[in-house]
């Protein structure tokens, strides 16, 4: 990604300090790169330190600046507390948090185990809340303005068959966004969210399109294409930038109008046979 891909003046985010959960890969990496390219200091966290370190090195080589990788299991409150304390000790308070870490896979709900449900809900729902709470308490105590951005899905508005743990968890983050926008707004803390449509990443395709062909943007999307990474990055930058300081409590879909056209969920998988589900489950297990 270059500055030509980002429709903002150089240095727009100079002096900002951003934490991106799940920032080592996928959409988290894309947003981290955009923040860095525009002058922010970026902290990225995840469970795989080697991946984070490689991403940090590659982004710094491309853009300069500073990317700090931190291994953290956001499902664990103690791990979150240690990470946030480390960040505050390394240069002061954050100015922004992006709740991006997530897990998901397609499955018939009757086939889910409690462990399978927890694998998604504990990251998306519990983990994102824990990080938001830990940062928020510090911001309020110190009287600092800040911005929280959560990455959701359009299924928060209509649910999704075959992705029920994700739909439930992301809907919870949507409620958190609306609730904290009001509760923390008087402290100068803004809470907003993005509901991306199809932005293909390797990890997403392994779990949501394990047999290939599940997503066909030319057939389902009014714009007849998938999203491009700089498009998502530009929206994330705007929501975290000084120019959006009156924007609060909003979830913005960026999906080419697919939610309006089709509901943008997995309802089309109702046509799958038991054999189709067996093949998909086997492919997901092999890909993890």
Protein backbone atom coordinates (compact mmCIF):
# COMPACT_ATOMS: atom_id res chain seq x y z
CA UNK A 1 0.00 0.00 0.00
CA UNK A 2 1.30 3.46 -0.91
CA UNK A 3 0.29 6.99 -0.01
CA UNK A 4 -1.37 7.18 -3.43
CA UNK A 5 -3.76 4.44 -2.25
CA UNK A 6 -4.64 6.47 0.84
CA UNK A 7 -6.69 9.54 0.02
CA UNK A 8 -5.23 11.70 2.79
CA UNK A 9 -2.45 14.18 3.26
CA UNK A 10 0.87 12.75 4.49
CA UNK A 11 1.29 12.96 8.23
CA UNK A 12 -2.45 13.09 8.96
CA UNK A 13 -2.05 10.74 11.94
CA UNK A 14 1.26 12.12 13.21
CA UNK A 15 1.41 11.86 16.99
CA UNK A 16 -1.34 9.23 17.18
CA UNK A 17 -0.74 5.94 18.99
CA UNK A 18 -2.94 3.08 17.77
CA UNK A 19 -3.45 -0.48 19.00
CA UNK A 20 -4.80 -2.94 16.44
CA UNK A 21 -5.83 -6.33 17.79
CA UNK A 22 -5.20 -9.12 15.31
CA UNK A 23 -2.91 -6.66 13.56
CA UNK A 24 -0.45 -9.19 12.17
CA UNK A 25 -2.57 -10.50 9.33
CA UNK A 26 -5.60 -9.82 7.16
CA UNK A 27 -7.62 -6.67 7.62
CA UNK A 28 -5.73 -5.83 10.81
CA UNK A 29 -2.47 -5.68 8.92
CA UNK A 30 -4.06 -3.52 6.21
CA UNK A 31 -5.31 -0.96 8.73
CA UNK A 32 -2.05 -1.01 10.66
CA UNK A 33 -0.14 -0.25 7.48
CA UNK A 34 -2.43 2.67 6.65
CA UNK A 35 -2.08 4.18 10.12
CA UNK A 36 1.71 3.78 9.98
CA UNK A 37 1.99 5.26 6.49
CA UNK A 38 0.12 8.35 7.68
CA UNK A 39 2.39 8.92 10.66
CA UNK A 40 0.90 6.99 13.58
CA UNK A 41 2.85 4.82 15.99
CA UNK A 42 1.23 1.40 15.82
CA UNK A 43 1.01 -1.45 18.30
CA UNK A 44 -0.18 -4.80 16.96
CA UNK A 45 -1.19 -7.75 19.09
CA UNK A 46 -2.09 -11.38 18.55
CA UNK A 47 -1.22 -14.81 19.86
CA UNK A 48 1.58 -15.60 17.39
CA UNK A 49 4.57 -13.40 18.17
CA UNK A 50 6.58 -14.59 15.16
CA UNK A 51 3.85 -13.46 12.77
CA UNK A 52 3.58 -10.10 14.52
CA UNK A 53 7.34 -9.58 14.41
CA UNK A 54 7.49 -10.35 10.70
CA UNK A 55 4.62 -7.96 9.98
CA UNK A 56 6.22 -5.22 12.06
CA UNK A 57 9.51 -5.62 10.22
CA UNK A 58 7.88 -5.58 6.79
CA UNK A 59 5.72 -2.54 7.50
CA UNK A 60 8.59 -0.56 8.98
CA UNK A 61 10.80 -1.44 6.01
CA UNK A 62 8.10 -0.16 3.66
CA UNK A 63 7.09 3.01 5.50
CA UNK A 64 9.53 3.76 8.31
CA UNK A 65 8.00 4.73 11.62
CA UNK A 66 7.45 2.35 14.49
CA UNK A 67 5.37 -0.83 14.79
CA UNK A 68 5.50 -2.66 18.12
CA UNK A 69 4.48 -6.35 18.14
CA UNK A 70 3.00 -7.69 21.39
CA UNK A 71 1.96 -11.27 22.02
CA UNK A 72 -1.36 -11.21 23.86
CA UNK A 73 -4.28 -13.59 24.29
CA UNK A 74 -7.12 -11.09 24.54
CA UNK A 75 -9.40 -13.81 25.92
CA UNK A 76 -7.49 -13.56 29.19
CA UNK A 77 -8.04 -10.46 31.35
CA UNK A 78 -4.59 -10.70 32.93
CA UNK A 79 -2.90 -10.84 29.54
CA UNK A 80 -4.87 -7.77 28.38
CA UNK A 81 -3.97 -5.85 31.53
CA UNK A 82 -0.28 -6.64 31.07
CA UNK A 83 -0.35 -5.58 27.42
CA UNK A 84 -2.09 -2.27 28.05
CA UNK A 85 0.22 -1.48 30.97
CA UNK A 86 3.21 -2.20 28.73
CA UNK A 87 1.90 0.14 26.03
CA UNK A 88 1.23 2.97 28.48
CA UNK A 89 4.75 2.51 29.89
CA UNK A 90 6.17 2.68 26.35
CA UNK A 91 5.49 6.30 25.46
CA UNK A 92 2.19 7.06 27.16
CA UNK A 93 -1.49 6.63 26.47
CA UNK A 94 -3.00 5.26 23.31
CA UNK A 95 -5.11 7.62 21.24
CA UNK A 96 -6.96 4.86 19.41
CA UNK A 97 -7.98 1.22 19.60
CA UNK A 98 -9.12 -1.01 16.74
CA UNK A 99 -10.98 -4.14 17.82
CA UNK A 100 -10.16 -6.33 14.85
CA UNK A 101 -9.19 -9.73 16.31
CA UNK A 102 -11.75 -12.32 15.34
CA UNK A 103 -12.42 -15.95 14.61
CA UNK A 104 -15.08 -17.51 12.43
CA UNK A 105 -15.99 -20.59 10.44
CA UNK A 106 -19.13 -21.81 8.75
CA UNK A 107 -21.00 -24.65 10.39
CA UNK A 108 -24.47 -26.01 10.83
CA UNK A 109 -25.42 -24.84 14.30
CA UNK A 110 -26.47 -28.32 15.39
CA UNK A 111 -22.92 -29.47 14.70
CA UNK A 112 -21.30 -26.88 16.98
CA UNK A 113 -19.67 -27.93 20.24
CA UNK A 114 -19.36 -25.60 23.26
CA UNK A 115 -15.65 -25.43 22.47
CA UNK A 116 -16.39 -24.37 18.90
CA UNK A 117 -18.72 -21.65 20.11
CA UNK A 118 -16.16 -20.42 22.64
CA UNK A 119 -13.43 -20.32 20.00
CA UNK A 120 -15.30 -17.48 18.34
CA UNK A 121 -17.20 -15.80 21.17
CA UNK A 122 -14.24 -15.60 23.56
CA UNK A 123 -12.18 -13.69 21.02
CA UNK A 124 -14.76 -11.50 19.31
CA UNK A 125 -17.12 -10.76 22.20
CA UNK A 126 -15.18 -11.25 25.42
CA UNK A 127 -11.73 -10.29 24.15
CA UNK A 128 -12.80 -7.10 22.41
CA UNK A 129 -14.70 -5.99 25.50
CA UNK A 130 -11.73 -6.69 27.77
CA UNK A 131 -9.35 -4.60 25.66
CA UNK A 132 -11.88 -1.78 25.30
CA UNK A 133 -12.55 -1.74 29.03
CA UNK A 134 -8.89 -1.74 30.02
CA UNK A 135 -8.08 1.17 27.68
CA UNK A 136 -11.27 3.03 28.55
CA UNK A 137 -10.64 2.96 32.29
CA UNK A 138 -7.23 4.52 31.76
CA UNK A 139 -8.51 7.16 29.34
CA UNK A 140 -11.27 8.22 31.71
CA UNK A 141 -8.98 8.30 34.73
CA UNK A 142 -6.43 10.41 32.85
CA UNK A 143 -9.01 12.65 31.18
CA UNK A 144 -7.88 11.79 27.66
CA UNK A 145 -9.81 11.83 24.41
CA UNK A 146 -9.62 8.68 22.33
CA UNK A 147 -11.34 6.68 19.59
CA UNK A 148 -12.46 3.04 19.50
CA UNK A 149 -13.16 1.34 16.18
CA UNK A 150 -14.62 -2.18 16.05
CA UNK A 151 -14.68 -4.34 12.94
CA UNK A 152 -18.08 -5.99 12.64
CA UNK A 153 -20.16 -7.63 9.88
CA UNK A 154 -23.45 -6.67 8.27
CA UNK A 155 -25.04 -9.73 9.91
CA UNK A 156 -25.42 -7.64 13.06
CA UNK A 157 -28.60 -6.28 11.45
CA UNK A 158 -30.17 -9.54 10.23
CA UNK A 159 -28.24 -12.45 11.73
CA UNK A 160 -26.65 -15.21 9.71
CA UNK A 161 -27.45 -18.90 9.49
CA UNK A 162 -24.39 -21.13 9.59
CA UNK A 163 -22.35 -18.42 11.35
CA UNK A 164 -24.41 -18.05 14.52
CA UNK A 165 -21.54 -17.59 17.06
CA UNK A 166 -20.07 -14.84 14.90
CA UNK A 167 -23.43 -13.16 14.36
CA UNK A 168 -24.14 -13.23 18.10
CA UNK A 169 -20.70 -11.95 19.05
CA UNK A 170 -20.51 -9.19 16.46
CA UNK A 171 -24.03 -8.06 17.37
CA UNK A 172 -22.80 -7.76 20.94
CA UNK A 173 -19.95 -5.49 19.81
CA UNK A 174 -22.45 -3.42 17.86
CA UNK A 175 -24.44 -2.96 21.07
CA UNK A 176 -21.22 -2.09 22.91
CA UNK A 177 -20.40 0.52 20.28
CA UNK A 178 -23.78 2.21 20.62
CA UNK A 179 -23.80 1.97 24.41
CA UNK A 180 -20.30 3.28 25.07
CA UNK A 181 -20.71 6.05 22.50
CA UNK A 182 -23.31 7.53 24.87
CA UNK A 183 -21.69 6.58 28.17
CA UNK A 184 -18.14 7.58 27.24
CA UNK A 185 -18.96 10.42 24.85
CA UNK A 186 -18.85 13.00 27.66
CA UNK A 187 -15.26 11.91 28.30
CA UNK A 188 -14.30 12.62 24.68
CA UNK A 189 -14.11 8.92 23.81
CA UNK A 190 -15.75 8.08 20.46
CA UNK A 191 -16.91 4.57 19.56
CA UNK A 192 -17.68 3.60 15.97
CA UNK A 193 -17.60 0.47 13.84
CA UNK A 194 -17.15 -0.79 10.30
CA UNK A 195 -19.16 -3.65 8.82
CA UNK A 196 -17.07 -4.88 5.88
CA UNK A 197 -18.45 -6.93 3.04
CA UNK A 198 -16.26 -9.35 1.12
CA UNK A 199 -12.60 -8.37 1.41
CA UNK A 200 -10.88 -11.68 0.65
CA UNK A 201 -8.02 -12.72 2.92
CA UNK A 202 -6.31 -16.09 3.18
CA UNK A 203 -7.59 -16.81 6.69
CA UNK A 204 -11.15 -15.80 5.87
CA UNK A 205 -11.31 -17.98 2.77
CA UNK A 206 -10.02 -21.06 4.62
CA UNK A 207 -12.85 -20.92 7.15
CA UNK A 208 -15.71 -19.28 5.27
CA UNK A 209 -15.09 -20.63 1.77
CA UNK A 210 -13.33 -23.92 2.51
CA UNK A 211 -14.43 -25.73 -0.65
CA UNK A 212 -14.22 -22.74 -3.00
CA UNK A 213 -17.06 -21.01 -4.75
CA UNK A 214 -19.04 -19.97 -1.66
CA UNK A 215 -18.48 -16.31 -2.49
CA UNK A 216 -19.25 -15.05 -5.98
CA UNK A 217 -19.26 -11.25 -5.94
CA UNK A 218 -20.13 -11.07 -9.61
CA UNK A 219 -23.43 -12.80 -8.83
CA UNK A 220 -24.32 -11.42 -5.40
CA UNK A 221 -22.89 -7.91 -5.22
CA UNK A 222 -24.52 -4.93 -6.98
CA UNK A 223 -21.07 -3.62 -7.89
CA UNK A 224 -20.04 -7.04 -9.23
CA UNK A 225 -16.78 -7.20 -7.31
CA UNK A 226 -15.20 -7.71 -3.92
CA UNK A 227 -13.80 -4.90 -1.81
CA UNK A 228 -10.27 -3.58 -2.30
CA UNK A 229 -8.03 -3.27 0.74
CA UNK A 230 -7.23 0.45 0.33
CA UNK A 231 -10.98 1.15 0.38
CA UNK A 232 -11.31 -0.37 3.83
CA UNK A 233 -8.11 1.32 4.99
CA UNK A 234 -9.35 4.74 3.88
CA UNK A 235 -12.58 4.35 5.85
CA UNK A 236 -10.70 3.21 8.96
CA UNK A 237 -8.33 6.16 8.70
CA UNK A 238 -11.21 8.61 8.41
CA UNK A 239 -13.00 7.22 11.45
CA UNK A 240 -9.82 7.42 13.53
CA UNK A 241 -8.75 10.84 12.24
CA UNK A 242 -9.27 14.32 13.72
CA UNK A 243 -11.70 15.08 10.89
CA UNK A 244 -14.25 12.64 12.33
CA UNK A 245 -14.40 14.00 15.87
CA UNK A 246 -18.19 14.48 15.81
CA UNK A 247 -18.89 11.00 14.43
CA UNK A 248 -19.89 8.75 17.31
CA UNK A 249 -21.97 5.62 17.86
CA UNK A 250 -22.14 4.65 14.18
CA UNK A 251 -21.63 1.39 12.31
CA UNK A 252 -20.84 1.94 8.64
CA UNK A 253 -21.18 -0.87 6.10
CA UNK A 254 -18.66 -0.99 3.28
CA UNK A 255 -19.92 -3.74 1.02
CA UNK A 256 -20.96 -2.28 -2.32
CA UNK A 257 -24.62 -2.49 -1.35
CA UNK A 258 -24.65 -6.27 -0.90
CA UNK A 259 -26.51 -6.10 2.41
CA UNK A 260 -29.38 -4.27 0.72
CA UNK A 261 -29.33 -6.68 -2.22
CA UNK A 262 -28.99 -10.08 -0.58
CA UNK A 263 -28.75 -9.71 3.19
CA UNK A 264 -25.02 -10.37 2.80
CA UNK A 265 -24.98 -13.48 4.99
CA UNK A 266 -24.78 -17.25 4.56
CA UNK A 267 -28.45 -17.97 3.92
CA UNK A 268 -27.57 -19.35 0.49
CA UNK A 269 -25.87 -22.29 2.19
CA UNK A 270 -29.32 -23.64 3.02
CA UNK A 271 -29.07 -25.36 -0.36
CA UNK A 272 -26.10 -27.47 0.77
CA UNK A 273 -26.55 -31.19 1.26
CA UNK A 274 -25.17 -33.17 4.22
CA UNK A 275 -22.37 -34.30 1.92
CA UNK A 276 -21.51 -30.67 1.15
CA UNK A 277 -21.24 -29.95 4.87
CA UNK A 278 -19.04 -32.98 5.41
CA UNK A 279 -16.65 -31.80 2.71
CA UNK A 280 -16.62 -28.25 4.12
CA UNK A 281 -15.95 -29.43 7.67
CA UNK A 282 -13.08 -31.63 6.54
CA UNK A 283 -11.58 -28.76 4.53
CA UNK A 284 -11.79 -26.39 7.49
CA UNK A 285 -10.06 -28.90 9.77
CA UNK A 286 -7.27 -29.40 7.26
CA UNK A 287 -6.81 -25.65 6.88
CA UNK A 288 -6.46 -24.88 10.60
